Amino acid sequence: MIESDYLKDNINYVERLRKMPSLADFSEKDLKGILEMSKIRKYEPDEVILEEGVFDCWIYFLVSGKIKVIKHDESLSVLSRTGDVFGEMGIIDGSPRSASVCAIDETVCLATDASYIDRLSGNDRAAFSSILYRIFSQILANRLRITSEELIKAKEEIDRLKGEDDDTELISI
């Protein structure tokens, strides 16, 4: 992994952040605040970005490339859109990483250090907490919507297969 310094005062990245769907609604001041607690990290193909079971305080925004989410050696999903976010669940509930994440090809991420919020006070702390939790709620609501749709399709397929089994039993009698 190749890593930049913290991106404080790097105006060039504010416009790039604004193009990410999960950050598009935030003000320039808020985006600059996110940069203060962020680094650019570059990963090679097959390099592990997050390891299941490990604690850390980083949230990742995909800038370019493609990553896969893996749990118990099973690939769960692939993320490839600029602005896709991963690593937020452990930040929300303080638990270890629930899955591993690996780069599929050369990948660049904006890695945001959520522990930075603990060093803030007053209005700054409230503002940054609000920003991060707003991002989290949007991401999790979207993932819940997708998971619910997948669950409905799976149940329909199970019912269809049960119906085929019932028909087979009737024919063989």
C-alpha atoms as a PDB file:
ATOM      1  CA  MET A   1       0.000   0.000   0.000  1.00  0.00           C
ATOM      2  CA  ILE A   2       1.148   3.489  -0.824  1.00  0.00           C
ATOM      3  CA  GLU A   3      -0.228   6.208   1.442  1.00  0.00           C
ATOM      4  CA  SER A   4      -0.292  10.014   1.276  1.00  0.00           C
ATOM      5  CA  ASP A   5      -0.012  12.367   4.216  1.00  0.00           C
ATOM      6  CA  TYR A   6      -3.231  13.780   5.617  1.00  0.00           C
ATOM      7  CA  LEU A   7      -4.853  15.917   2.960  1.00  0.00           C
ATOM      8  CA  LYS A   8      -5.387  19.066   5.052  1.00  0.00           C
ATOM      9  CA  ASP A   9      -5.613  22.208   2.883  1.00  0.00           C
ATOM     10  CA  ASN A  10      -5.632  20.195  -0.365  1.00  0.00           C
ATOM     11  CA  ILE A  11      -8.225  22.133  -2.378  1.00  0.00           C
ATOM     12  CA  ASN A  12      -7.805  19.894  -5.455  1.00  0.00           C
ATOM     13  CA  TYR A  13      -9.520  17.032  -3.657  1.00  0.00           C
ATOM     14  CA  VAL A  14     -12.561  19.078  -2.584  1.00  0.00           C
ATOM     15  CA  GLU A  15     -13.955  19.027  -6.136  1.00  0.00           C
ATOM     16  CA  ARG A  16     -13.223  15.310  -6.491  1.00  0.00           C
ATOM     17  CA  LEU A  17     -15.065  14.653  -3.225  1.00  0.00           C
ATOM     18  CA  ARG A  18     -18.022  16.733  -4.371  1.00  0.00           C
ATOM     19  CA  LYS A  19     -18.427  14.350  -7.356  1.00  0.00           C
ATOM     20  CA  MET A  20     -18.865  11.355  -5.043  1.00  0.00           C
ATOM     21  CA  PRO A  21     -22.598  10.676  -4.612  1.00  0.00           C
ATOM     22  CA  SER A  22     -22.280  10.082  -0.870  1.00  0.00           C
ATOM     23  CA  LEU A  23     -20.602  13.475  -0.379  1.00  0.00           C
ATOM     24  CA  ALA A  24     -22.308  15.587  -3.062  1.00  0.00           C
ATOM     25  CA  ASP A  25     -24.618  17.447  -0.669  1.00  0.00           C
ATOM     26  CA  PHE A  26     -21.935  18.632   1.715  1.00  0.00           C
ATOM     27  CA  SER A  27     -20.543  22.168   1.869  1.00  0.00           C
ATOM     28  CA  GLU A  28     -16.994  23.053   0.920  1.00  0.00           C
ATOM     29  CA  LYS A  29     -16.210  23.626   4.617  1.00  0.00           C
ATOM     30  CA  ASP A  30     -17.481  20.131   5.488  1.00  0.00           C
ATOM     31  CA  LEU A  31     -15.507  18.551   2.637  1.00  0.00           C
ATOM     32  CA  LYS A  32     -12.350  20.322   3.787  1.00  0.00           C
ATOM     33  CA  GLY A  33     -13.011  18.938   7.252  1.00  0.00           C
ATOM     34  CA  ILE A  34     -13.228  15.416   5.867  1.00  0.00           C
ATOM     35  CA  LEU A  35      -9.914  15.975   4.066  1.00  0.00           C
ATOM     36  CA  GLU A  36      -8.274  16.966   7.346  1.00  0.00           C
ATOM     37  CA  MET A  37      -8.862  13.455   8.615  1.00  0.00           C
ATOM     38  CA  SER A  38      -8.171  11.618   5.340  1.00  0.00           C
ATOM     39  CA  LYS A  39      -5.339  10.086   3.360  1.00  0.00           C
ATOM     40  CA  ILE A  40      -5.119   8.709  -0.166  1.00  0.00           C
ATOM     41  CA  ARG A  41      -4.212   5.020  -0.161  1.00  0.00           C
ATOM     42  CA  LYS A  42      -3.261   3.039  -3.261  1.00  0.00           C
ATOM     43  CA  TYR A  43      -3.530  -0.754  -3.390  1.00  0.00           C
ATOM     44  CA  GLU A  44      -2.220  -3.364  -5.804  1.00  0.00           C
ATOM     45  CA  PRO A  45      -4.373  -6.228  -7.149  1.00  0.00           C
ATOM     46  CA  ASP A  46      -5.165  -8.836  -4.446  1.00  0.00           C
ATOM     47  CA  GLU A  47      -3.875  -6.577  -1.674  1.00  0.00           C
ATOM     48  CA  VAL A  48      -5.937  -6.738   1.532  1.00  0.00           C
ATOM     49  CA  ILE A  49      -7.478  -3.396   2.471  1.00  0.00           C
ATOM     50  CA  LEU A  50      -9.474  -4.555   5.512  1.00  0.00           C
ATOM     51  CA  GLU A  51      -9.119  -7.838   7.369  1.00  0.00           C
ATOM     52  CA  GLU A  52     -12.084  -9.607   8.931  1.00  0.00           C
ATOM     53  CA  GLY A  53     -11.879  -9.629  12.746  1.00  0.00           C
ATOM     54  CA  VAL A  54      -9.474  -6.681  13.041  1.00  0.00           C
ATOM     55  CA  PHE A  55     -10.307  -3.421  14.845  1.00  0.00           C
ATOM     56  CA  ASP A  56      -9.442  -0.102  13.222  1.00  0.00           C
ATOM     57  CA  CYS A  57     -10.896   3.378  12.801  1.00  0.00           C
ATOM     58  CA  TRP A  58     -10.796   3.909   9.026  1.00  0.00           C
ATOM     59  CA  ILE A  59     -13.683   4.456   6.606  1.00  0.00           C
ATOM     60  CA  TYR A  60     -12.975   4.134   2.884  1.00  0.00           C
ATOM     61  CA  PHE A  61     -14.361   5.984  -0.139  1.00  0.00           C
ATOM     62  CA  LEU A  62     -13.490   4.290  -3.426  1.00  0.00           C
ATOM     63  CA  VAL A  63     -11.816   6.770  -5.778  1.00  0.00           C
ATOM     64  CA  SER A  64     -10.904   4.309  -8.537  1.00  0.00           C
ATOM     65  CA  GLY A  65     -10.476   0.600  -9.053  1.00  0.00           C
ATOM     66  CA  LYS A  66     -12.519  -2.339  -7.882  1.00  0.00           C
ATOM     67  CA  ILE A  67     -12.744  -4.148  -4.547  1.00  0.00           C
ATOM     68  CA  LYS A  68     -14.400  -7.324  -3.331  1.00  0.00           C
ATOM     69  CA  VAL A  69     -15.956  -7.924   0.061  1.00  0.00           C
ATOM     70  CA  ILE A  70     -15.200 -11.398   1.447  1.00  0.00           C
ATOM     71  CA  LYS A  71     -16.598 -13.178   4.510  1.00  0.00           C
ATOM     72  CA  HIS A  72     -15.389 -16.653   5.494  1.00  0.00           C
ATOM     73  CA  ASP A  73     -13.667 -17.021   2.079  1.00  0.00           C
ATOM     74  CA  GLU A  74     -16.967 -16.302   0.261  1.00  0.00           C
ATOM     75  CA  SER A  75     -17.187 -13.277  -2.024  1.00  0.00           C
ATOM     76  CA  LEU A  76     -20.216 -11.195  -0.979  1.00  0.00           C
ATOM     77  CA  SER A  77     -20.040  -8.237  -3.334  1.00  0.00           C
ATOM     78  CA  VAL A  78     -17.913  -6.148  -5.634  1.00  0.00           C
ATOM     79  CA  LEU A  79     -17.724  -2.362  -5.396  1.00  0.00           C
ATOM     80  CA  SER A  80     -16.484  -0.351  -8.365  1.00  0.00           C
ATOM     81  CA  ARG A  81     -18.285   3.005  -8.410  1.00  0.00           C
ATOM     82  CA  THR A  82     -16.424   6.159  -7.470  1.00  0.00           C
ATOM     83  CA  GLY A  83     -17.693   7.132  -4.034  1.00  0.00           C
ATOM     84  CA  ASP A  84     -18.663   3.622  -2.909  1.00  0.00           C
ATOM     85  CA  VAL A  85     -18.085   3.461   0.846  1.00  0.00           C
ATOM     86  CA  PHE A  86     -16.882   0.552   2.944  1.00  0.00           C
ATOM     87  CA  GLY A  87     -15.580   0.036   6.461  1.00  0.00           C
ATOM     88  CA  GLU A  88     -18.323   2.055   8.145  1.00  0.00           C
ATOM     89  CA  MET A  89     -19.977  -0.717  10.177  1.00  0.00           C
ATOM     90  CA  GLY A  90     -17.087  -1.143  12.611  1.00  0.00           C
ATOM     91  CA  ILE A  91     -17.046   2.605  13.199  1.00  0.00           C
ATOM     92  CA  ILE A  92     -20.756   2.696  13.997  1.00  0.00           C
ATOM     93  CA  ASP A  93     -20.801  -0.078  16.590  1.00  0.00           C
ATOM     94  CA  GLY A  94     -17.114  -0.344  17.579  1.00  0.00           C
ATOM     95  CA  SER A  95     -16.927  -3.988  16.541  1.00  0.00           C
ATOM     96  CA  PRO A  96     -14.122  -5.692  14.630  1.00  0.00           C
ATOM     97  CA  ARG A  97     -14.328  -5.813  10.842  1.00  0.00           C
ATOM     98  CA  SER A  98     -17.194  -8.088   9.820  1.00  0.00           C
ATOM     99  CA  ALA A  99     -15.596  -8.955   6.472  1.00  0.00           C
ATOM    100  CA  SER A 100     -12.358  -8.622   4.575  1.00  0.00           C
ATOM    101  CA  VAL A 101     -11.951  -6.288   1.620  1.00  0.00           C
ATOM    102  CA  CYS A 102      -9.389  -6.888  -1.134  1.00  0.00           C
ATOM    103  CA  ALA A 103      -8.406  -4.899  -4.196  1.00  0.00           C
ATOM    104  CA  ILE A 104      -9.324  -6.657  -7.444  1.00  0.00           C
ATOM    105  CA  ASP A 105      -7.194  -4.372  -9.582  1.00  0.00           C
ATOM    106  CA  GLU A 106      -5.176  -1.226  -8.896  1.00  0.00           C
ATOM    107  CA  THR A 107      -7.370   0.656  -6.439  1.00  0.00           C
ATOM    108  CA  VAL A 108      -7.256   4.132  -4.947  1.00  0.00           C
ATOM    109  CA  CYS A 109      -9.249   5.003  -1.820  1.00  0.00           C
ATOM    110  CA  LEU A 110      -9.812   8.048   0.293  1.00  0.00           C
ATOM    111  CA  ALA A 111      -9.248   6.644   3.790  1.00  0.00           C
ATOM    112  CA  THR A 112     -10.891   8.725   6.505  1.00  0.00           C
ATOM    113  CA  ASP A 113      -9.746   8.411  10.114  1.00  0.00           C
ATOM    114  CA  ALA A 114     -12.955   8.418  12.171  1.00  0.00           C
ATOM    115  CA  SER A 115     -10.954   8.663  15.423  1.00  0.00           C
ATOM    116  CA  TYR A 116     -10.190  12.237  14.392  1.00  0.00           C
ATOM    117  CA  ILE A 117     -13.656  13.163  15.687  1.00  0.00           C
ATOM    118  CA  ASP A 118     -12.582  12.149  19.206  1.00  0.00           C
ATOM    119  CA  ARG A 119      -9.942  14.902  19.114  1.00  0.00           C
ATOM    120  CA  LEU A 120     -12.506  17.604  18.287  1.00  0.00           C
ATOM    121  CA  SER A 121     -14.664  19.491  20.733  1.00  0.00           C
ATOM    122  CA  GLY A 122     -17.880  21.502  20.825  1.00  0.00           C
ATOM    123  CA  ASN A 123     -19.532  22.445  17.550  1.00  0.00           C
ATOM    124  CA  ASP A 124     -16.751  20.941  15.404  1.00  0.00           C
ATOM    125  CA  ARG A 125     -17.240  17.539  17.016  1.00  0.00           C
ATOM    126  CA  ALA A 126     -21.027  17.716  16.606  1.00  0.00           C
ATOM    127  CA  ALA A 127     -20.718  18.839  12.977  1.00  0.00           C
ATOM    128  CA  PHE A 128     -18.306  16.083  11.948  1.00  0.00           C
ATOM    129  CA  SER A 129     -20.249  13.421  13.811  1.00  0.00           C
ATOM    130  CA  SER A 130     -23.360  14.598  12.021  1.00  0.00           C
ATOM    131  CA  ILE A 131     -21.633  14.450   8.631  1.00  0.00           C
ATOM    132  CA  LEU A 132     -20.291  10.932   9.141  1.00  0.00           C
ATOM    133  CA  TYR A 133     -23.511   9.534  10.557  1.00  0.00           C
ATOM    134  CA  ARG A 134     -25.511  11.102   7.739  1.00  0.00           C
ATOM    135  CA  ILE A 135     -23.239   9.348   5.247  1.00  0.00           C
ATOM    136  CA  PHE A 136     -23.580   6.107   7.217  1.00  0.00           C
ATOM    137  CA  SER A 137     -27.370   6.307   7.342  1.00  0.00           C
ATOM    138  CA  GLN A 138     -27.605   6.870   3.581  1.00  0.00           C
ATOM    139  CA  ILE A 139     -25.285   3.955   2.868  1.00  0.00           C
ATOM    140  CA  LEU A 140     -26.961   1.566   5.279  1.00  0.00           C
ATOM    141  CA  ALA A 141     -30.470   2.502   4.121  1.00  0.00           C
ATOM    142  CA  ASN A 142     -29.454   1.762   0.530  1.00  0.00           C
ATOM    143  CA  ARG A 143     -27.815  -1.540   1.497  1.00  0.00           C
ATOM    144  CA  LEU A 144     -30.872  -2.548   3.537  1.00  0.00           C
ATOM    145  CA  ARG A 145     -33.112  -1.779   0.554  1.00  0.00           C
ATOM    146  CA  ILE A 146     -30.946  -3.945  -1.727  1.00  0.00           C
ATOM    147  CA  THR A 147     -30.758  -6.761   0.846  1.00  0.00           C
ATOM    148  CA  SER A 148     -34.538  -6.703   1.293  1.00  0.00           C
ATOM    149  CA  GLU A 149     -35.024  -7.018  -2.467  1.00  0.00           C
ATOM    150  CA  GLU A 150     -32.558  -9.931  -2.591  1.00  0.00           C
ATOM    151  CA  LEU A 151     -34.344 -11.620   0.325  1.00  0.00           C
ATOM    152  CA  ILE A 152     -37.706 -11.339  -1.428  1.00  0.00           C
ATOM    153  CA  LYS A 153     -36.226 -12.849  -4.619  1.00  0.00           C
ATOM    154  CA  ALA A 154     -34.624 -15.672  -2.605  1.00  0.00           C
ATOM    155  CA  LYS A 155     -37.918 -16.449  -0.848  1.00  0.00           C
ATOM    156  CA  GLU A 156     -39.744 -16.470  -4.199  1.00  0.00           C
ATOM    157  CA  GLU A 157     -37.145 -18.870  -5.596  1.00  0.00           C
ATOM    158  CA  ILE A 158     -37.441 -21.134  -2.542  1.00  0.00           C
ATOM    159  CA  ASP A 159     -41.237 -21.159  -2.898  1.00  0.00           C
ATOM    160  CA  ARG A 160     -40.886 -21.926  -6.617  1.00  0.00           C
ATOM    161  CA  LEU A 161     -38.503 -24.798  -5.907  1.00  0.00           C
ATOM    162  CA  LYS A 162     -40.786 -26.162  -3.177  1.00  0.00           C
ATOM    163  CA  GLY A 163     -43.639 -26.079  -5.688  1.00  0.00           C
ATOM    164  CA  GLU A 164     -41.553 -28.070  -8.174  1.00  0.00           C
ATOM    165  CA  ASP A 165     -40.751 -30.638  -5.460  1.00  0.00           C
ATOM    166  CA  ASP A 166     -44.465 -31.003  -4.639  1.00  0.00           C
ATOM    167  CA  ASP A 167     -45.263 -31.587  -8.327  1.00  0.00           C
ATOM    168  CA  THR A 168     -42.494 -34.213  -8.580  1.00  0.00           C
ATOM    169  CA  GLU A 169     -43.878 -36.108  -5.577  1.00  0.00           C
ATOM    170  CA  LEU A 170     -47.360 -36.163  -7.088  1.00  0.00           C
ATOM    171  CA  ILE A 171     -46.079 -37.513 -10.404  1.00  0.00           C
ATOM    172  CA  SER A 172     -44.046 -40.316  -8.800  1.00  0.00           C
ATOM    173  CA  ILE A 173     -46.944 -41.630  -6.697  1.00  0.00           C
END
